[in-house]
Amino acid sequence: MTDGAWVSLFSGGKDSSWALYRALERGHPVERLVTVHPEGDSYMYHVPATRLARLAAESIGIQLVEIEPDDFEADDVPDSGEQGDAELEPLEAALHELDTELDGGISGVTAGAVESEYQTTRIESMADRLEANVFAPLWQENPRDLADAMLDAGFEIQIIRVAAYGLDESWLGRTLDADALDELEALNDEYGVHILGEGGEFETLVTDGPHMDRRIEIEYETEWDGSRGTVQIEDAWLA
């Protein structure tokens, strides 16, 4: 399928936001952002602060579709492959519904995967079943080059969760800037921390960018258990 609408798999984090931004740059007609709100942990989806996707969508000016699945119970999984397939089901059902609603159906899907074969193969298979293309501009690109490109484009990125040796409480709420990237490169050399957090080492929120009309402001507290932590957002609004 070549004609029709595009949808963007969107969490509000840096990778999905970059995929959306690059798709818009390429002229892909993105008509919906699609956000999954997992209850608890997830193998397939970005988890923290997904509720702020509503503010991001308002700032971007693209309608948001929100998916509310049951708890994936991903903290005790006997088979990760079966788990990933099960987690994909509510997303695929929502996309099939959109495919009938949007003029011309869905012709393409954006994805923010960098190195995860686990996620990418499932998204590609889902897109095949929808007869849609996949646009994954981060796929297998150099992580530091990608991060630098995001900053050069004007993305403002905050770290909202950390879970890796070498990342302490001081990283919670920190802006991902050039100095932070230099430190992450050093942590990559010492501990194997992925510069973009691809292994779940950290999660992010894009608070501003060239694709957004207004920046997201947040008020938050930090929650730290000695080895990992999360930004607990207490209020958020568009400036």
C-alpha atoms as a PDB file:
ATOM      1  CA  MET A   1       0.000   0.000   0.000  1.00  0.00           C
ATOM      2  CA  THR A   2       1.448   3.364  -0.997  1.00  0.00           C
ATOM      3  CA  ASP A   3      -1.468   5.767  -0.542  1.00  0.00           C
ATOM      4  CA  GLY A   4      -3.026   6.388   2.826  1.00  0.00           C
ATOM      5  CA  ALA A   5      -2.115   7.677   6.260  1.00  0.00           C
ATOM      6  CA  TRP A   6       0.874   7.091   8.481  1.00  0.00           C
ATOM      7  CA  VAL A   7       0.738   6.410  12.200  1.00  0.00           C
ATOM      8  CA  SER A   8       3.556   6.980  14.656  1.00  0.00           C
ATOM      9  CA  LEU A   9       4.201   4.556  17.518  1.00  0.00           C
ATOM     10  CA  PHE A  10       4.783   7.195  20.147  1.00  0.00           C
ATOM     11  CA  SER A  11       5.721   7.198  23.824  1.00  0.00           C
ATOM     12  CA  GLY A  12       6.984  10.760  24.250  1.00  0.00           C
ATOM     13  CA  GLY A  13      10.545   9.493  24.711  1.00  0.00           C
ATOM     14  CA  LYS A  14      13.468  10.514  22.526  1.00  0.00           C
ATOM     15  CA  ASP A  15      13.550   7.536  20.146  1.00  0.00           C
ATOM     16  CA  SER A  16       9.888   7.518  19.124  1.00  0.00           C
ATOM     17  CA  SER A  17       9.928  11.331  18.976  1.00  0.00           C
ATOM     18  CA  TRP A  18      12.944  11.270  16.661  1.00  0.00           C
ATOM     19  CA  ALA A  19      11.276   8.704  14.402  1.00  0.00           C
ATOM     20  CA  LEU A  20       8.192  10.934  14.214  1.00  0.00           C
ATOM     21  CA  TYR A  21      10.259  14.073  13.557  1.00  0.00           C
ATOM     22  CA  ARG A  22      12.230  12.423  10.755  1.00  0.00           C
ATOM     23  CA  ALA A  23       9.028  11.038   9.220  1.00  0.00           C
ATOM     24  CA  LEU A  24       7.519  14.529   9.154  1.00  0.00           C
ATOM     25  CA  GLU A  25      10.760  15.836   7.614  1.00  0.00           C
ATOM     26  CA  ARG A  26      10.439  13.193   4.898  1.00  0.00           C
ATOM     27  CA  GLY A  27       6.889  14.314   4.177  1.00  0.00           C
ATOM     28  CA  HIS A  28       5.135  11.198   5.452  1.00  0.00           C
ATOM     29  CA  PRO A  29       1.502  12.132   6.214  1.00  0.00           C
ATOM     30  CA  VAL A  30       1.391  11.181   9.905  1.00  0.00           C
ATOM     31  CA  GLU A  31      -2.258  11.465  10.945  1.00  0.00           C
ATOM     32  CA  ARG A  32      -2.208   9.672  14.291  1.00  0.00           C
ATOM     33  CA  LEU A  33       0.143   9.176  17.217  1.00  0.00           C
ATOM     34  CA  VAL A  34      -0.449   5.854  18.968  1.00  0.00           C
ATOM     35  CA  THR A  35       0.555   5.410  22.610  1.00  0.00           C
ATOM     36  CA  VAL A  36       0.307   2.234  24.658  1.00  0.00           C
ATOM     37  CA  HIS A  37       0.014   2.734  28.426  1.00  0.00           C
ATOM     38  CA  PRO A  38       1.359  -0.450  30.023  1.00  0.00           C
ATOM     39  CA  GLU A  39       0.328  -1.322  33.562  1.00  0.00           C
ATOM     40  CA  GLY A  40       3.540  -2.444  35.235  1.00  0.00           C
ATOM     41  CA  ASP A  41       6.605  -3.574  33.313  1.00  0.00           C
ATOM     42  CA  SER A  42       6.689  -4.346  29.601  1.00  0.00           C
ATOM     43  CA  TYR A  43       8.955  -6.133  27.147  1.00  0.00           C
ATOM     44  CA  MET A  44       7.695  -4.199  24.135  1.00  0.00           C
ATOM     45  CA  TYR A  45       6.880  -0.681  25.301  1.00  0.00           C
ATOM     46  CA  HIS A  46       8.377   2.368  26.967  1.00  0.00           C
ATOM     47  CA  VAL A  47       6.709   2.581  30.396  1.00  0.00           C
ATOM     48  CA  PRO A  48       7.350   5.794  32.385  1.00  0.00           C
ATOM     49  CA  ALA A  49       5.410   9.046  31.855  1.00  0.00           C
ATOM     50  CA  THR A  50       3.455   7.852  28.829  1.00  0.00           C
ATOM     51  CA  ARG A  51       0.494   9.938  30.048  1.00  0.00           C
ATOM     52  CA  LEU A  52       2.436  13.026  28.970  1.00  0.00           C
ATOM     53  CA  ALA A  53       2.021  11.875  25.371  1.00  0.00           C
ATOM     54  CA  ARG A  54      -1.268  13.796  25.505  1.00  0.00           C
ATOM     55  CA  LEU A  55       0.565  17.074  26.070  1.00  0.00           C
ATOM     56  CA  ALA A  56       3.142  16.204  23.432  1.00  0.00           C
ATOM     57  CA  ALA A  57       0.412  15.401  20.900  1.00  0.00           C
ATOM     58  CA  GLU A  58      -1.298  18.713  21.628  1.00  0.00           C
ATOM     59  CA  SER A  59       1.985  20.547  21.117  1.00  0.00           C
ATOM     60  CA  ILE A  60       2.765  18.613  17.923  1.00  0.00           C
ATOM     61  CA  GLY A  61      -0.756  19.043  16.565  1.00  0.00           C
ATOM     62  CA  ILE A  62      -1.475  15.409  15.691  1.00  0.00           C
ATOM     63  CA  GLN A  63      -4.382  13.446  17.126  1.00  0.00           C
ATOM     64  CA  LEU A  64      -3.449  10.853  19.759  1.00  0.00           C
ATOM     65  CA  VAL A  65      -4.851   7.344  20.065  1.00  0.00           C
ATOM     66  CA  GLU A  66      -4.318   5.828  23.515  1.00  0.00           C
ATOM     67  CA  ILE A  67      -4.348   2.098  24.218  1.00  0.00           C
ATOM     68  CA  GLU A  68      -5.085   0.819  27.722  1.00  0.00           C
ATOM     69  CA  PRO A  69      -4.088  -2.868  27.887  1.00  0.00           C
ATOM     70  CA  ASP A  70      -4.466  -5.114  30.896  1.00  0.00           C
ATOM     71  CA  ASP A  71      -1.398  -5.683  33.079  1.00  0.00           C
ATOM     72  CA  PHE A  72       1.143  -7.540  30.939  1.00  0.00           C
ATOM     73  CA  GLU A  73       2.548  -9.231  34.077  1.00  0.00           C
ATOM     74  CA  ALA A  74       6.016  -8.873  32.580  1.00  0.00           C
ATOM     75  CA  ASP A  75       7.831  -9.270  35.895  1.00  0.00           C
ATOM     76  CA  ASP A  76       7.498 -13.077  35.820  1.00  0.00           C
ATOM     77  CA  VAL A  77       7.647 -14.400  32.274  1.00  0.00           C
ATOM     78  CA  PRO A  78       8.467 -18.026  31.316  1.00  0.00           C
ATOM     79  CA  ASP A  79       8.841 -17.272  27.576  1.00  0.00           C
ATOM     80  CA  SER A  80       9.915 -13.794  26.437  1.00  0.00           C
ATOM     81  CA  GLY A  81       8.959 -14.496  22.823  1.00  0.00           C
ATOM     82  CA  GLU A  82       5.387 -15.410  23.711  1.00  0.00           C
ATOM     83  CA  GLN A  83       5.277 -12.383  26.019  1.00  0.00           C
ATOM     84  CA  GLY A  84       6.284  -9.997  23.233  1.00  0.00           C
ATOM     85  CA  ASP A  85       3.674 -11.476  20.899  1.00  0.00           C
ATOM     86  CA  ALA A  86       0.981 -11.133  23.572  1.00  0.00           C
ATOM     87  CA  GLU A  87       1.925  -7.530  24.330  1.00  0.00           C
ATOM     88  CA  LEU A  88       1.656  -6.664  20.639  1.00  0.00           C
ATOM     89  CA  GLU A  89      -1.950  -7.853  20.372  1.00  0.00           C
ATOM     90  CA  PRO A  90      -3.755  -4.753  21.765  1.00  0.00           C
ATOM     91  CA  LEU A  91      -1.608  -2.461  19.590  1.00  0.00           C
ATOM     92  CA  GLU A  92      -2.283  -4.493  16.465  1.00  0.00           C
ATOM     93  CA  ALA A  93      -6.010  -4.570  17.193  1.00  0.00           C
ATOM     94  CA  ALA A  94      -6.054  -0.776  17.529  1.00  0.00           C
ATOM     95  CA  LEU A  95      -4.113  -0.343  14.278  1.00  0.00           C
ATOM     96  CA  HIS A  96      -6.508  -2.635  12.403  1.00  0.00           C
ATOM     97  CA  GLU A  97      -9.359  -0.454  13.660  1.00  0.00           C
ATOM     98  CA  LEU A  98      -7.530   2.679  12.514  1.00  0.00           C
ATOM     99  CA  ASP A  99      -6.873   1.042   9.169  1.00  0.00           C
ATOM    100  CA  THR A 100     -10.631   0.978   8.550  1.00  0.00           C
ATOM    101  CA  GLU A 101     -11.193   4.517   9.882  1.00  0.00           C
ATOM    102  CA  LEU A 102      -8.461   6.504   8.131  1.00  0.00           C
ATOM    103  CA  ASP A 103      -8.941   7.610   4.546  1.00  0.00           C
ATOM    104  CA  GLY A 104      -6.937   5.206   2.419  1.00  0.00           C
ATOM    105  CA  GLY A 105      -6.074   3.075   5.429  1.00  0.00           C
ATOM    106  CA  ILE A 106      -2.652   2.868   7.056  1.00  0.00           C
ATOM    107  CA  SER A 107       0.208   2.947   4.583  1.00  0.00           C
ATOM    108  CA  GLY A 108       3.090   3.353   7.049  1.00  0.00           C
ATOM    109  CA  VAL A 109       4.181   3.085  10.664  1.00  0.00           C
ATOM    110  CA  THR A 110       7.079   4.876  12.366  1.00  0.00           C
ATOM    111  CA  ALA A 111       9.172   3.057  14.969  1.00  0.00           C
ATOM    112  CA  GLY A 112      11.973   4.241  17.238  1.00  0.00           C
ATOM    113  CA  ALA A 113      13.946   1.005  17.549  1.00  0.00           C
ATOM    114  CA  VAL A 114      17.740   1.333  17.555  1.00  0.00           C
ATOM    115  CA  GLU A 115      19.149  -2.168  18.030  1.00  0.00           C
ATOM    116  CA  SER A 116      16.381  -4.348  19.467  1.00  0.00           C
ATOM    117  CA  GLU A 117      15.660  -7.226  17.111  1.00  0.00           C
ATOM    118  CA  TYR A 118      13.074  -8.366  19.650  1.00  0.00           C
ATOM    119  CA  GLN A 119      10.915  -5.287  19.132  1.00  0.00           C
ATOM    120  CA  THR A 120      11.737  -4.580  15.504  1.00  0.00           C
ATOM    121  CA  THR A 121      10.902  -8.015  14.098  1.00  0.00           C
ATOM    122  CA  ARG A 122       7.505  -7.920  15.815  1.00  0.00           C
ATOM    123  CA  ILE A 123       6.709  -4.428  14.545  1.00  0.00           C
ATOM    124  CA  GLU A 124       7.772  -5.393  11.023  1.00  0.00           C
ATOM    125  CA  SER A 125       5.624  -8.530  11.118  1.00  0.00           C
ATOM    126  CA  MET A 126       2.663  -6.506  12.357  1.00  0.00           C
ATOM    127  CA  ALA A 127       3.167  -3.962   9.570  1.00  0.00           C
ATOM    128  CA  ASP A 128       3.317  -6.770   7.014  1.00  0.00           C
ATOM    129  CA  ARG A 129      -0.057  -8.014   8.218  1.00  0.00           C
ATOM    130  CA  LEU A 130      -1.385  -4.457   7.806  1.00  0.00           C
ATOM    131  CA  GLU A 131       0.265  -4.220   4.365  1.00  0.00           C
ATOM    132  CA  ALA A 132       2.058  -1.108   5.644  1.00  0.00           C
ATOM    133  CA  ASN A 133       5.605   0.189   5.412  1.00  0.00           C
ATOM    134  CA  VAL A 134       7.869   0.705   8.424  1.00  0.00           C
ATOM    135  CA  PHE A 135       9.982   3.844   8.827  1.00  0.00           C
ATOM    136  CA  ALA A 136      12.686   3.230  11.451  1.00  0.00           C
ATOM    137  CA  PRO A 137      15.304   5.988  11.015  1.00  0.00           C
ATOM    138  CA  LEU A 138      17.270   5.048  14.146  1.00  0.00           C
ATOM    139  CA  TRP A 139      17.727   1.413  13.188  1.00  0.00           C
ATOM    140  CA  GLN A 140      21.380   0.320  13.510  1.00  0.00           C
ATOM    141  CA  GLU A 141      22.684   3.874  13.380  1.00  0.00           C
ATOM    142  CA  ASN A 142      25.638   4.977  15.539  1.00  0.00           C
ATOM    143  CA  PRO A 143      24.188   5.846  18.972  1.00  0.00           C
ATOM    144  CA  ARG A 144      26.366   8.898  19.593  1.00  0.00           C
ATOM    145  CA  ASP A 145      25.686  10.240  16.103  1.00  0.00           C
ATOM    146  CA  LEU A 146      21.949   9.825  16.697  1.00  0.00           C
ATOM    147  CA  ALA A 147      22.103  11.566  20.062  1.00  0.00           C
ATOM    148  CA  ASP A 148      24.142  14.446  18.620  1.00  0.00           C
ATOM    149  CA  ALA A 149      21.647  14.782  15.751  1.00  0.00           C
ATOM    150  CA  MET A 150      18.772  15.042  18.229  1.00  0.00           C
ATOM    151  CA  LEU A 151      20.521  17.814  20.134  1.00  0.00           C
ATOM    152  CA  ASP A 152      21.578  19.601  16.947  1.00  0.00           C
ATOM    153  CA  ALA A 153      17.948  19.577  15.791  1.00  0.00           C
ATOM    154  CA  GLY A 154      16.872  21.284  18.999  1.00  0.00           C
ATOM    155  CA  PHE A 155      15.441  18.389  20.995  1.00  0.00           C
ATOM    156  CA  GLU A 156      15.238  18.975  24.756  1.00  0.00           C
ATOM    157  CA  ILE A 157      15.452  15.611  26.483  1.00  0.00           C
ATOM    158  CA  GLN A 158      15.127  14.797  30.177  1.00  0.00           C
ATOM    159  CA  ILE A 159      16.049  11.504  31.833  1.00  0.00           C
ATOM    160  CA  ILE A 160      13.079  10.200  33.802  1.00  0.00           C
ATOM    161  CA  ARG A 161      14.204   6.696  34.835  1.00  0.00           C
ATOM    162  CA  VAL A 162      17.573   5.023  35.411  1.00  0.00           C
ATOM    163  CA  ALA A 163      18.335   1.370  36.033  1.00  0.00           C
ATOM    164  CA  ALA A 164      22.006   0.615  35.401  1.00  0.00           C
ATOM    165  CA  TYR A 165      25.268   0.387  37.280  1.00  0.00           C
ATOM    166  CA  GLY A 166      27.032   3.749  37.013  1.00  0.00           C
ATOM    167  CA  LEU A 167      23.818   5.793  36.830  1.00  0.00           C
ATOM    168  CA  ASP A 168      22.968   7.230  40.237  1.00  0.00           C
ATOM    169  CA  GLU A 169      20.161   9.436  41.566  1.00  0.00           C
ATOM    170  CA  SER A 170      21.811  12.572  40.150  1.00  0.00           C
ATOM    171  CA  TRP A 171      20.773  11.441  36.657  1.00  0.00           C
ATOM    172  CA  LEU A 172      17.062  11.628  37.471  1.00  0.00           C
ATOM    173  CA  GLY A 173      15.616  14.718  35.832  1.00  0.00           C
ATOM    174  CA  ARG A 174      18.933  15.518  34.182  1.00  0.00           C
ATOM    175  CA  THR A 175      18.959  17.058  30.719  1.00  0.00           C
ATOM    176  CA  LEU A 176      20.561  14.857  28.090  1.00  0.00           C
ATOM    177  CA  ASP A 177      23.105  17.341  26.735  1.00  0.00           C
ATOM    178  CA  ALA A 178      26.607  17.045  25.275  1.00  0.00           C
ATOM    179  CA  ASP A 179      28.224  16.745  28.723  1.00  0.00           C
ATOM    180  CA  ALA A 180      25.812  13.966  29.684  1.00  0.00           C
ATOM    181  CA  LEU A 181      26.567  12.156  26.425  1.00  0.00           C
ATOM    182  CA  ASP A 182      30.304  12.363  27.121  1.00  0.00           C
ATOM    183  CA  GLU A 183      29.703  10.810  30.555  1.00  0.00           C
ATOM    184  CA  LEU A 184      27.518   8.107  29.026  1.00  0.00           C
ATOM    185  CA  GLU A 185      30.268   7.260  26.559  1.00  0.00           C
ATOM    186  CA  ALA A 186      32.658   6.822  29.489  1.00  0.00           C
ATOM    187  CA  LEU A 187      30.083   4.645  31.282  1.00  0.00           C
ATOM    188  CA  ASN A 188      29.689   2.633  28.098  1.00  0.00           C
ATOM    189  CA  ASP A 189      33.432   1.956  28.063  1.00  0.00           C
ATOM    190  CA  GLU A 190      33.495   1.068  31.771  1.00  0.00           C
ATOM    191  CA  TYR A 191      30.185  -0.724  32.351  1.00  0.00           C
ATOM    192  CA  GLY A 192      28.610  -1.221  28.929  1.00  0.00           C
ATOM    193  CA  VAL A 193      25.862   1.361  29.471  1.00  0.00           C
ATOM    194  CA  HIS A 194      24.223   2.024  26.102  1.00  0.00           C
ATOM    195  CA  ILE A 195      24.553   5.686  25.119  1.00  0.00           C
ATOM    196  CA  LEU A 196      20.870   5.819  24.126  1.00  0.00           C
ATOM    197  CA  GLY A 197      19.668   3.551  26.936  1.00  0.00           C
ATOM    198  CA  GLU A 198      18.657   0.904  24.415  1.00  0.00           C
ATOM    199  CA  GLY A 199      19.070  -1.863  26.987  1.00  0.00           C
ATOM    200  CA  GLY A 200      16.709  -0.192  29.453  1.00  0.00           C
ATOM    201  CA  GLU A 201      19.530   1.615  31.269  1.00  0.00           C
ATOM    202  CA  PHE A 202      17.524   4.836  31.211  1.00  0.00           C
ATOM    203  CA  GLU A 203      14.285   6.290  29.842  1.00  0.00           C
ATOM    204  CA  THR A 204      13.600   9.800  28.597  1.00  0.00           C
ATOM    205  CA  LEU A 205      10.963  12.425  27.947  1.00  0.00           C
ATOM    206  CA  VAL A 206      11.195  14.944  25.104  1.00  0.00           C
ATOM    207  CA  THR A 207      10.044  18.277  26.510  1.00  0.00           C
ATOM    208  CA  ASP A 208      10.648  20.358  23.377  1.00  0.00           C
ATOM    209  CA  GLY A 209      11.724  20.041  19.772  1.00  0.00           C
ATOM    210  CA  PRO A 210      11.347  21.539  16.297  1.00  0.00           C
ATOM    211  CA  HIS A 211       8.185  19.485  15.714  1.00  0.00           C
ATOM    212  CA  MET A 212       6.500  20.971  18.811  1.00  0.00           C
ATOM    213  CA  ASP A 213       4.763  24.354  19.073  1.00  0.00           C
ATOM    214  CA  ARG A 214       5.052  24.588  22.872  1.00  0.00           C
ATOM    215  CA  ARG A 215       7.419  22.981  25.344  1.00  0.00           C
ATOM    216  CA  ILE A 216       6.317  20.680  28.140  1.00  0.00           C
ATOM    217  CA  GLU A 217       7.035  21.936  31.660  1.00  0.00           C
ATOM    218  CA  ILE A 218       7.084  19.446  34.534  1.00  0.00           C
ATOM    219  CA  GLU A 219       7.177  19.468  38.309  1.00  0.00           C
ATOM    220  CA  TYR A 220       8.450  16.261  39.863  1.00  0.00           C
ATOM    221  CA  GLU A 221       9.924  14.400  42.796  1.00  0.00           C
ATOM    222  CA  THR A 222      12.513  11.653  42.495  1.00  0.00           C
ATOM    223  CA  GLU A 223      12.142   8.116  43.801  1.00  0.00           C
ATOM    224  CA  TRP A 224      15.378   6.191  44.410  1.00  0.00           C
ATOM    225  CA  ASP A 225      15.778   2.695  45.882  1.00  0.00           C
ATOM    226  CA  GLY A 226      19.572   2.578  46.019  1.00  0.00           C
ATOM    227  CA  SER A 227      20.188   1.096  42.585  1.00  0.00           C
ATOM    228  CA  ARG A 228      17.448   2.446  40.326  1.00  0.00           C
ATOM    229  CA  GLY A 229      15.032   5.332  40.321  1.00  0.00           C
ATOM    230  CA  THR A 230      12.193   7.164  38.616  1.00  0.00           C
ATOM    231  CA  VAL A 231      11.021  10.735  38.218  1.00  0.00           C
ATOM    232  CA  GLN A 232       7.539  10.941  39.724  1.00  0.00           C
ATOM    233  CA  ILE A 233       5.790  13.696  37.788  1.00  0.00           C
ATOM    234  CA  GLU A 234       3.415  15.687  39.969  1.00  0.00           C
ATOM    235  CA  ASP A 235       2.290  18.260  37.430  1.00  0.00           C
ATOM    236  CA  ALA A 236       2.847  18.998  33.741  1.00  0.00           C
ATOM    237  CA  TRP A 237       1.656  21.655  31.346  1.00  0.00           C
ATOM    238  CA  LEU A 238       2.435  23.312  28.028  1.00  0.00           C
ATOM    239  CA  ALA A 239       4.347  26.599  28.318  1.00  0.00           C
END
